[in-house]
């Protein structure tokens, strides 16, 4: 299984970004997004079930971020709105588990950097 995250970049406070995670060899596996800010531990952002019917979010992501997937394209997305400087982090996609525990995920992508300027 290979995961390729993309879509990161520099955005101003209040702006939006959409991250993508292209998955090969992980058809319909549950997936998730995590992030790691400089000097901080990796933290859970959102997770989605294999069919896309089930989702769960970290408290900071509720109302601002939306996780989705297109199983025909084998791609997962994270739509991020109303971005804040504290959202600055490397965002990682992962597959093989549905939940917030990073230890449950079997496969990880390489990460994409999101920088939110104030």
N, C-alpha and C. Protein backbone atom coordinates (compact mmCIF):
# COMPACT_ATOMS: atom_id res chain seq x y z
N UNK A 1 0.84 -1.19 0.00
CA UNK A 1 0.00 0.00 0.00
C UNK A 1 0.88 1.24 0.00
N UNK A 2 0.55 2.18 -0.88
CA UNK A 2 1.27 3.45 -0.93
C UNK A 2 0.27 4.60 -0.83
N UNK A 3 0.61 5.58 -0.02
CA UNK A 3 -0.22 6.76 0.17
C UNK A 3 0.58 7.99 -0.22
N UNK A 4 -0.02 8.86 -1.00
CA UNK A 4 0.65 10.08 -1.47
C UNK A 4 -0.22 11.28 -1.12
N UNK A 5 0.22 12.06 -0.14
CA UNK A 5 -0.51 13.26 0.26
C UNK A 5 -0.05 14.46 -0.56
N UNK A 6 -0.98 15.34 -0.86
CA UNK A 6 -0.67 16.55 -1.62
C UNK A 6 -1.68 17.64 -1.28
N UNK A 7 -1.40 18.85 -1.76
CA UNK A 7 -2.35 19.94 -1.58
C UNK A 7 -1.97 20.96 -0.53
N UNK A 8 -0.90 20.72 0.19
CA UNK A 8 -0.47 21.68 1.18
C UNK A 8 0.07 22.95 0.53
N UNK A 9 0.28 23.96 1.36
CA UNK A 9 0.81 25.21 0.85
C UNK A 9 0.69 26.32 1.87
N UNK A 10 0.91 27.53 1.41
CA UNK A 10 0.84 28.72 2.26
C UNK A 10 -0.50 29.41 2.03
N UNK A 11 -1.19 29.69 3.12
CA UNK A 11 -2.49 30.34 3.02
C UNK A 11 -2.62 31.34 4.16
N UNK A 12 -3.39 32.38 3.95
CA UNK A 12 -3.60 33.38 4.99
C UNK A 12 -4.68 32.92 5.97
N UNK A 13 -4.64 33.51 7.15
CA UNK A 13 -5.67 33.23 8.16
C UNK A 13 -7.06 33.45 7.56
N UNK A 14 -7.93 32.49 7.80
CA UNK A 14 -9.28 32.55 7.25
C UNK A 14 -9.43 31.89 5.90
N UNK A 15 -8.33 31.49 5.32
CA UNK A 15 -8.36 30.88 4.00
C UNK A 15 -8.70 29.40 4.04
N UNK A 16 -8.67 28.78 2.88
CA UNK A 16 -9.05 27.37 2.74
C UNK A 16 -8.01 26.61 1.92
N UNK A 17 -7.96 25.33 2.19
CA UNK A 17 -7.12 24.41 1.42
C UNK A 17 -7.83 23.07 1.34
N UNK A 18 -7.56 22.33 0.28
CA UNK A 18 -8.04 20.96 0.19
C UNK A 18 -6.85 20.03 0.01
N UNK A 19 -6.67 19.15 0.96
CA UNK A 19 -5.63 18.14 0.87
C UNK A 19 -6.18 16.89 0.20
N UNK A 20 -5.31 16.20 -0.52
CA UNK A 20 -5.68 14.94 -1.15
C UNK A 20 -4.71 13.86 -0.71
N UNK A 21 -5.19 12.64 -0.67
CA UNK A 21 -4.35 11.48 -0.37
C UNK A 21 -4.69 10.39 -1.36
N UNK A 22 -3.81 10.16 -2.30
CA UNK A 22 -4.01 9.11 -3.29
C UNK A 22 -3.49 7.80 -2.73
N UNK A 23 -4.35 6.78 -2.77
CA UNK A 23 -4.01 5.49 -2.18
C UNK A 23 -3.95 4.42 -3.26
N UNK A 24 -2.89 3.66 -3.26
CA UNK A 24 -2.79 2.52 -4.17
C UNK A 24 -2.67 1.25 -3.34
N UNK A 25 -3.48 0.27 -3.66
CA UNK A 25 -3.44 -1.00 -2.96
C UNK A 25 -4.19 -1.01 -1.65
N UNK A 26 -5.04 -0.01 -1.42
CA UNK A 26 -5.79 0.06 -0.15
C UNK A 26 -7.25 0.36 -0.43
N UNK A 27 -7.80 -0.34 -1.41
CA UNK A 27 -9.16 -0.08 -1.81
C UNK A 27 -10.13 -0.26 -0.65
N UNK A 28 -10.89 0.77 -0.37
CA UNK A 28 -11.94 0.75 0.64
C UNK A 28 -11.44 0.54 2.06
N UNK A 29 -10.17 0.77 2.30
CA UNK A 29 -9.66 0.70 3.67
C UNK A 29 -10.08 1.96 4.42
N UNK A 30 -10.41 1.85 5.69
CA UNK A 30 -10.65 3.06 6.47
C UNK A 30 -9.37 3.90 6.50
N UNK A 31 -9.54 5.20 6.59
CA UNK A 31 -8.40 6.09 6.49
C UNK A 31 -8.54 7.25 7.47
N UNK A 32 -7.45 8.00 7.59
CA UNK A 32 -7.50 9.15 8.48
C UNK A 32 -6.44 10.18 8.15
N UNK A 33 -6.60 11.35 8.76
CA UNK A 33 -5.63 12.43 8.66
C UNK A 33 -5.09 12.74 10.06
N UNK A 34 -3.80 12.97 10.11
CA UNK A 34 -3.13 13.42 11.32
C UNK A 34 -2.30 14.63 10.97
N UNK A 35 -1.83 15.34 12.00
CA UNK A 35 -0.95 16.47 11.75
C UNK A 35 0.09 16.56 12.86
N UNK A 36 1.21 17.17 12.51
CA UNK A 36 2.26 17.39 13.49
C UNK A 36 2.83 18.78 13.30
N UNK A 37 2.63 19.60 14.30
CA UNK A 37 3.17 20.96 14.28
C UNK A 37 4.61 20.95 14.81
N UNK A 38 5.38 21.97 14.46
CA UNK A 38 6.78 22.03 14.93
C UNK A 38 6.86 21.95 16.45
N UNK A 39 7.66 21.02 16.95
CA UNK A 39 7.86 20.89 18.38
C UNK A 39 6.74 20.22 19.13
N UNK A 40 5.76 19.71 18.40
CA UNK A 40 4.61 19.07 19.06
C UNK A 40 4.46 17.63 18.59
N UNK A 41 3.68 16.87 19.34
CA UNK A 41 3.43 15.50 18.95
C UNK A 41 2.39 15.45 17.84
N UNK A 42 2.42 14.35 17.11
CA UNK A 42 1.42 14.14 16.07
C UNK A 42 0.04 14.02 16.71
N UNK A 43 -0.97 14.61 16.09
CA UNK A 43 -2.32 14.54 16.63
C UNK A 43 -3.33 14.17 15.56
N UNK A 44 -4.39 13.57 16.01
CA UNK A 44 -5.48 13.13 15.15
C UNK A 44 -6.25 14.32 14.63
N UNK A 45 -6.66 14.24 13.37
CA UNK A 45 -7.48 15.29 12.77
C UNK A 45 -8.88 14.75 12.45
N UNK A 46 -8.93 13.69 11.63
CA UNK A 46 -10.22 13.15 11.20
C UNK A 46 -10.02 11.75 10.67
N UNK A 47 -11.10 10.97 10.67
CA UNK A 47 -11.07 9.61 10.14
C UNK A 47 -12.33 9.35 9.35
N UNK A 48 -12.24 8.40 8.41
CA UNK A 48 -13.38 8.08 7.57
C UNK A 48 -13.42 6.57 7.34
N UNK A 49 -14.61 6.00 7.34
CA UNK A 49 -14.75 4.57 7.14
C UNK A 49 -14.51 4.20 5.68
N UNK A 50 -14.46 2.92 5.41
CA UNK A 50 -14.18 2.46 4.06
C UNK A 50 -15.21 2.88 3.03
N UNK A 51 -16.45 2.95 3.43
CA UNK A 51 -17.50 3.37 2.51
C UNK A 51 -17.68 4.89 2.49
N UNK A 52 -17.13 5.55 3.47
CA UNK A 52 -17.31 6.99 3.59
C UNK A 52 -18.51 7.39 4.42
N UNK A 53 -19.29 6.40 4.85
CA UNK A 53 -20.51 6.69 5.60
C UNK A 53 -20.22 7.15 7.03
N UNK A 54 -19.10 6.72 7.56
CA UNK A 54 -18.74 7.08 8.92
C UNK A 54 -17.57 8.03 8.96
N UNK A 55 -17.68 9.09 9.75
CA UNK A 55 -16.59 10.04 9.93
C UNK A 55 -16.50 10.44 11.40
N UNK A 56 -15.32 10.87 11.79
CA UNK A 56 -15.14 11.38 13.15
C UNK A 56 -14.03 12.42 13.11
N UNK A 57 -14.16 13.44 13.97
CA UNK A 57 -13.24 14.56 13.92
C UNK A 57 -12.69 14.90 15.30
N UNK A 58 -11.49 15.43 15.32
CA UNK A 58 -10.98 16.05 16.53
C UNK A 58 -11.80 17.30 16.81
N UNK A 59 -11.86 17.69 18.06
CA UNK A 59 -12.68 18.85 18.42
C UNK A 59 -12.29 20.10 17.64
N UNK A 60 -11.00 20.31 17.43
CA UNK A 60 -10.57 21.53 16.75
C UNK A 60 -10.98 21.54 15.28
N UNK A 61 -11.27 20.35 14.72
CA UNK A 61 -11.60 20.24 13.31
C UNK A 61 -13.11 20.33 13.05
N UNK A 62 -13.91 20.10 14.06
CA UNK A 62 -15.36 20.10 13.88
C UNK A 62 -15.85 21.47 13.43
N UNK A 63 -16.63 21.47 12.37
CA UNK A 63 -17.18 22.72 11.85
C UNK A 63 -16.29 23.45 10.88
N UNK A 64 -15.01 23.09 10.83
CA UNK A 64 -14.09 23.76 9.90
C UNK A 64 -13.51 22.81 8.86
N UNK A 65 -13.28 21.57 9.23
CA UNK A 65 -12.68 20.59 8.33
C UNK A 65 -13.73 19.55 7.93
N UNK A 66 -13.60 19.05 6.70
CA UNK A 66 -14.47 17.98 6.22
C UNK A 66 -13.63 16.90 5.55
N UNK A 67 -13.77 15.69 6.03
CA UNK A 67 -13.07 14.55 5.43
C UNK A 67 -14.03 13.85 4.48
N UNK A 68 -13.51 13.41 3.36
CA UNK A 68 -14.33 12.70 2.38
C UNK A 68 -13.43 11.76 1.58
N UNK A 69 -14.05 10.94 0.77
CA UNK A 69 -13.28 10.04 -0.08
C UNK A 69 -14.05 9.73 -1.35
N UNK A 70 -13.29 9.40 -2.39
CA UNK A 70 -13.84 8.97 -3.67
C UNK A 70 -13.21 7.62 -3.95
N UNK A 71 -13.95 6.56 -3.71
CA UNK A 71 -13.38 5.22 -3.86
C UNK A 71 -13.14 4.84 -5.32
N UNK A 72 -13.81 5.49 -6.24
CA UNK A 72 -13.52 5.24 -7.66
C UNK A 72 -12.14 5.78 -8.04
N UNK A 73 -11.75 6.87 -7.37
CA UNK A 73 -10.45 7.46 -7.63
C UNK A 73 -9.40 7.03 -6.61
N UNK A 74 -9.82 6.21 -5.63
CA UNK A 74 -8.91 5.78 -4.56
C UNK A 74 -8.23 6.97 -3.90
N UNK A 75 -9.01 7.99 -3.61
CA UNK A 75 -8.47 9.23 -3.05
C UNK A 75 -9.31 9.69 -1.88
N UNK A 76 -8.61 10.14 -0.84
CA UNK A 76 -9.26 10.75 0.32
C UNK A 76 -8.94 12.23 0.33
N UNK A 77 -9.85 13.02 0.87
CA UNK A 77 -9.68 14.47 0.88
C UNK A 77 -9.86 15.02 2.30
N UNK A 78 -9.27 16.18 2.51
CA UNK A 78 -9.53 16.94 3.73
C UNK A 78 -9.73 18.40 3.31
N UNK A 79 -10.97 18.85 3.36
CA UNK A 79 -11.29 20.23 3.06
C UNK A 79 -11.15 21.03 4.35
N UNK A 80 -10.31 22.04 4.32
CA UNK A 80 -10.04 22.83 5.51
C UNK A 80 -10.44 24.28 5.26
N UNK A 81 -11.33 24.78 6.07
CA UNK A 81 -11.82 26.15 5.95
C UNK A 81 -11.51 26.95 7.21
N UNK A 82 -11.57 28.27 7.08
CA UNK A 82 -11.33 29.16 8.22
C UNK A 82 -10.02 28.78 8.93
N UNK A 83 -8.98 28.65 8.17
CA UNK A 83 -7.71 28.21 8.73
C UNK A 83 -7.11 29.25 9.66
N UNK A 84 -6.44 28.75 10.68
CA UNK A 84 -5.83 29.60 11.70
C UNK A 84 -4.33 29.31 11.76
N UNK A 85 -3.54 30.24 12.28
CA UNK A 85 -2.09 29.98 12.38
C UNK A 85 -1.78 28.69 13.14
N UNK A 86 -2.59 28.34 14.12
CA UNK A 86 -2.34 27.11 14.89
C UNK A 86 -2.62 25.85 14.09
N UNK A 87 -3.16 25.98 12.89
CA UNK A 87 -3.34 24.82 12.01
C UNK A 87 -2.07 24.52 11.22
N UNK A 88 -1.07 25.36 11.34
CA UNK A 88 0.20 25.13 10.66
C UNK A 88 0.83 23.83 11.14
N UNK A 89 1.10 22.93 10.21
CA UNK A 89 1.62 21.61 10.56
C UNK A 89 1.90 20.83 9.28
N UNK A 90 2.60 19.73 9.43
CA UNK A 90 2.68 18.74 8.36
C UNK A 90 1.49 17.81 8.55
N UNK A 91 0.72 17.64 7.51
CA UNK A 91 -0.47 16.80 7.55
C UNK A 91 -0.15 15.46 6.89
N UNK A 92 -0.49 14.39 7.60
CA UNK A 92 -0.23 13.04 7.13
C UNK A 92 -1.53 12.30 6.90
N UNK A 93 -1.58 11.50 5.84
CA UNK A 93 -2.70 10.59 5.67
C UNK A 93 -2.26 9.19 6.06
N UNK A 94 -3.20 8.43 6.52
CA UNK A 94 -2.93 7.07 6.99
C UNK A 94 -4.10 6.17 6.63
N UNK A 95 -3.85 4.87 6.58
CA UNK A 95 -4.90 3.92 6.19
C UNK A 95 -4.80 2.64 7.00
N UNK A 96 -5.92 1.94 7.06
CA UNK A 96 -5.95 0.64 7.71
C UNK A 96 -6.67 0.60 9.04
N UNK A 97 -7.28 1.73 9.45
CA UNK A 97 -7.94 1.78 10.76
C UNK A 97 -8.96 2.90 10.74
N UNK A 98 -10.01 2.74 11.54
CA UNK A 98 -11.01 3.79 11.68
C UNK A 98 -11.01 4.24 13.13
N UNK A 99 -10.45 5.42 13.36
CA UNK A 99 -10.40 5.91 14.73
C UNK A 99 -9.32 6.95 14.89
N UNK A 100 -9.12 7.37 16.15
CA UNK A 100 -8.19 8.45 16.45
C UNK A 100 -6.82 7.98 16.95
N UNK A 101 -6.65 6.70 17.17
CA UNK A 101 -5.40 6.16 17.69
C UNK A 101 -4.42 5.92 16.56
N UNK A 102 -3.35 6.68 16.53
CA UNK A 102 -2.39 6.56 15.43
C UNK A 102 -1.75 5.17 15.38
N UNK A 103 -1.66 4.51 16.51
CA UNK A 103 -1.06 3.17 16.54
C UNK A 103 -1.89 2.15 15.77
N UNK A 104 -3.15 2.45 15.54
CA UNK A 104 -4.01 1.53 14.83
C UNK A 104 -3.81 1.53 13.32
N UNK A 105 -3.20 2.58 12.81
CA UNK A 105 -3.05 2.71 11.36
C UNK A 105 -1.83 1.93 10.88
N UNK A 106 -2.05 1.23 9.79
CA UNK A 106 -0.99 0.35 9.29
C UNK A 106 -0.10 1.04 8.27
N UNK A 107 -0.69 1.95 7.48
CA UNK A 107 0.07 2.57 6.40
C UNK A 107 0.03 4.09 6.54
N UNK A 108 1.13 4.73 6.18
CA UNK A 108 1.26 6.19 6.32
C UNK A 108 1.83 6.80 5.05
N UNK A 109 1.35 7.99 4.72
CA UNK A 109 1.91 8.76 3.62
C UNK A 109 3.05 9.62 4.12
N UNK A 110 3.63 10.39 3.22
CA UNK A 110 4.84 11.15 3.53
C UNK A 110 4.57 12.52 4.14
N UNK A 111 3.35 13.01 4.08
CA UNK A 111 3.03 14.30 4.66
C UNK A 111 3.08 15.44 3.67
N UNK A 112 2.25 16.44 3.94
CA UNK A 112 2.24 17.66 3.13
C UNK A 112 2.14 18.85 4.08
N UNK A 113 2.94 19.88 3.84
CA UNK A 113 3.06 21.00 4.78
C UNK A 113 1.98 22.04 4.52
N UNK A 114 1.29 22.41 5.57
CA UNK A 114 0.32 23.51 5.53
C UNK A 114 0.84 24.62 6.43
N UNK A 115 0.95 25.81 5.86
CA UNK A 115 1.41 26.96 6.62
C UNK A 115 0.35 28.05 6.53
N UNK A 116 -0.11 28.49 7.69
CA UNK A 116 -1.14 29.53 7.76
C UNK A 116 -0.51 30.78 8.33
N UNK A 117 -0.48 31.83 7.53
CA UNK A 117 0.13 33.08 7.96
C UNK A 117 -0.91 33.97 8.64
N UNK A 118 -0.43 34.74 9.62
CA UNK A 118 -1.34 35.62 10.36
C UNK A 118 -1.43 37.00 9.72
